Amino acid sequence: MRSSFRNWSDLMTGNWKDYGLMFYDDPYEECNDCFWSYLGDDDTLPKEFLEHLQQLVEDIETGKEKVIPMDELLIKRMKNLVEDVEVD
């Protein structure tokens, strides 16, 4: 979001000289393209996924879905398991 506002500000104030990377790039076009691509980069989740999450929450609240409580002992055990794993 911050990048979108910065690009918008650069577009409105004519501050696009640093957007052209190559000598043949049009800095205004690059700034404009960045602005529109940042606007398209949202974190919207699909409706089906959100409905699945809502159903999961309802199942947990009604007891239909079993949950495993995370206490300090379980977290310590998980840390120990991860520390023992070798990474190539």
C-alpha atoms as a PDB file:
ATOM      1  CA  MET A   1       0.000   0.000   0.000  1.00  0.00           C
ATOM      2  CA  ARG A   2       2.835   2.356   0.871  1.00  0.00           C
ATOM      3  CA  SER A   3       4.429   1.760  -2.518  1.00  0.00           C
ATOM      4  CA  SER A   4       1.160   2.613  -4.251  1.00  0.00           C
ATOM      5  CA  PHE A   5       0.966   5.927  -2.427  1.00  0.00           C
ATOM      6  CA  ARG A   6       4.611   6.689  -3.169  1.00  0.00           C
ATOM      7  CA  ASN A   7       4.078   5.926  -6.866  1.00  0.00           C
ATOM      8  CA  TRP A   8       0.908   8.003  -6.923  1.00  0.00           C
ATOM      9  CA  SER A   9       2.767  10.879  -5.284  1.00  0.00           C
ATOM     10  CA  ASP A  10       5.604  10.584  -7.826  1.00  0.00           C
ATOM     11  CA  LEU A  11       3.095  10.575 -10.680  1.00  0.00           C
ATOM     12  CA  MET A  12       1.267  13.651  -9.353  1.00  0.00           C
ATOM     13  CA  THR A  13       4.450  15.643  -8.673  1.00  0.00           C
ATOM     14  CA  GLY A  14       6.363  14.654 -11.805  1.00  0.00           C
ATOM     15  CA  ASN A  15       9.064  12.912  -9.782  1.00  0.00           C
ATOM     16  CA  TRP A  16       9.559   9.923 -12.098  1.00  0.00           C
ATOM     17  CA  LYS A  17      13.096  10.479 -13.375  1.00  0.00           C
ATOM     18  CA  ASP A  18      14.529   7.547 -11.347  1.00  0.00           C
ATOM     19  CA  TYR A  19      11.995   4.994 -12.615  1.00  0.00           C
ATOM     20  CA  GLY A  20      13.688   4.319 -15.949  1.00  0.00           C
ATOM     21  CA  LEU A  21      16.245   1.546 -15.500  1.00  0.00           C
ATOM     22  CA  MET A  22      17.556   1.369 -19.056  1.00  0.00           C
ATOM     23  CA  PHE A  23      18.523   4.322 -21.264  1.00  0.00           C
ATOM     24  CA  TYR A  24      15.622   3.559 -23.604  1.00  0.00           C
ATOM     25  CA  ASP A  25      12.991   3.337 -20.808  1.00  0.00           C
ATOM     26  CA  ASP A  26      10.463   6.135 -20.535  1.00  0.00           C
ATOM     27  CA  PRO A  27      10.583   7.055 -16.818  1.00  0.00           C
ATOM     28  CA  TYR A  28       6.992   8.312 -16.827  1.00  0.00           C
ATOM     29  CA  GLU A  29       5.724   5.060 -18.340  1.00  0.00           C
ATOM     30  CA  GLU A  30       7.733   2.991 -15.848  1.00  0.00           C
ATOM     31  CA  CYS A  31       6.352   5.004 -12.920  1.00  0.00           C
ATOM     32  CA  ASN A  32       2.826   4.713 -14.296  1.00  0.00           C
ATOM     33  CA  ASP A  33       3.202   0.952 -14.818  1.00  0.00           C
ATOM     34  CA  CYS A  34       4.554   0.516 -11.279  1.00  0.00           C
ATOM     35  CA  PHE A  35       1.605   2.424  -9.877  1.00  0.00           C
ATOM     36  CA  TRP A  36      -0.991   0.285 -11.662  1.00  0.00           C
ATOM     37  CA  SER A  37       0.784  -2.982 -10.916  1.00  0.00           C
ATOM     38  CA  TYR A  38       1.005  -2.117  -7.200  1.00  0.00           C
ATOM     39  CA  LEU A  39      -2.719  -1.404  -7.184  1.00  0.00           C
ATOM     40  CA  GLY A  40      -3.320  -4.857  -8.622  1.00  0.00           C
ATOM     41  CA  ASP A  41      -1.186  -6.461  -5.899  1.00  0.00           C
ATOM     42  CA  ASP A  42      -3.796  -6.877  -3.231  1.00  0.00           C
ATOM     43  CA  ASP A  43      -4.118  -9.632  -0.719  1.00  0.00           C
ATOM     44  CA  THR A  44      -7.702 -10.545  -1.454  1.00  0.00           C
ATOM     45  CA  LEU A  45      -8.575 -14.105  -0.678  1.00  0.00           C
ATOM     46  CA  PRO A  46     -10.979 -16.189  -2.754  1.00  0.00           C
ATOM     47  CA  LYS A  47     -14.564 -16.415  -1.494  1.00  0.00           C
ATOM     48  CA  GLU A  48     -14.376 -20.226  -1.239  1.00  0.00           C
ATOM     49  CA  PHE A  49     -11.329 -20.024   1.032  1.00  0.00           C
ATOM     50  CA  LEU A  50     -13.001 -17.482   3.330  1.00  0.00           C
ATOM     51  CA  GLU A  51     -16.153 -19.618   3.489  1.00  0.00           C
ATOM     52  CA  HIS A  52     -14.005 -22.631   4.384  1.00  0.00           C
ATOM     53  CA  LEU A  53     -12.380 -20.657   7.215  1.00  0.00           C
ATOM     54  CA  GLN A  54     -15.772 -19.543   8.515  1.00  0.00           C
ATOM     55  CA  GLN A  55     -16.985 -23.137   8.488  1.00  0.00           C
ATOM     56  CA  LEU A  56     -13.827 -24.283  10.268  1.00  0.00           C
ATOM     57  CA  VAL A  57     -14.306 -21.669  13.003  1.00  0.00           C
ATOM     58  CA  GLU A  58     -17.921 -22.741  13.424  1.00  0.00           C
ATOM     59  CA  ASP A  59     -16.859 -26.409  13.621  1.00  0.00           C
ATOM     60  CA  ILE A  60     -14.271 -25.576  16.284  1.00  0.00           C
ATOM     61  CA  GLU A  61     -16.747 -23.529  18.321  1.00  0.00           C
ATOM     62  CA  THR A  62     -19.388 -26.272  18.227  1.00  0.00           C
ATOM     63  CA  GLY A  63     -16.881 -29.018  19.058  1.00  0.00           C
ATOM     64  CA  LYS A  64     -17.250 -30.782  15.709  1.00  0.00           C
ATOM     65  CA  GLU A  65     -13.556 -30.188  14.926  1.00  0.00           C
ATOM     66  CA  LYS A  66     -11.012 -31.380  17.495  1.00  0.00           C
ATOM     67  CA  VAL A  67      -8.260 -28.924  18.400  1.00  0.00           C
ATOM     68  CA  ILE A  68      -4.957 -29.574  20.114  1.00  0.00           C
ATOM     69  CA  PRO A  69      -4.093 -26.933  22.710  1.00  0.00           C
ATOM     70  CA  MET A  70      -0.587 -25.515  22.431  1.00  0.00           C
ATOM     71  CA  ASP A  71       1.010 -25.255  25.838  1.00  0.00           C
ATOM     72  CA  GLU A  72       4.624 -24.441  26.699  1.00  0.00           C
ATOM     73  CA  LEU A  73       5.584 -28.108  26.927  1.00  0.00           C
ATOM     74  CA  LEU A  74       4.364 -28.796  23.382  1.00  0.00           C
ATOM     75  CA  ILE A  75       6.213 -25.744  22.048  1.00  0.00           C
ATOM     76  CA  LYS A  76       9.443 -26.886  23.742  1.00  0.00           C
ATOM     77  CA  ARG A  77       9.029 -30.378  22.284  1.00  0.00           C
ATOM     78  CA  MET A  78       8.513 -28.934  18.814  1.00  0.00           C
ATOM     79  CA  LYS A  79      11.618 -26.739  19.156  1.00  0.00           C
ATOM     80  CA  ASN A  80      13.670 -29.750  20.201  1.00  0.00           C
ATOM     81  CA  LEU A  81      12.429 -31.739  17.209  1.00  0.00           C
ATOM     82  CA  VAL A  82      13.307 -28.930  14.820  1.00  0.00           C
ATOM     83  CA  GLU A  83      16.772 -28.404  16.317  1.00  0.00           C
ATOM     84  CA  ASP A  84      17.593 -32.064  15.723  1.00  0.00           C
ATOM     85  CA  VAL A  85      16.834 -31.843  11.994  1.00  0.00           C
ATOM     86  CA  GLU A  86      19.835 -31.300   9.737  1.00  0.00           C
ATOM     87  CA  VAL A  87      19.430 -28.933   6.825  1.00  0.00           C
ATOM     88  CA  ASP A  88      21.490 -29.518   3.676  1.00  0.00           C
END
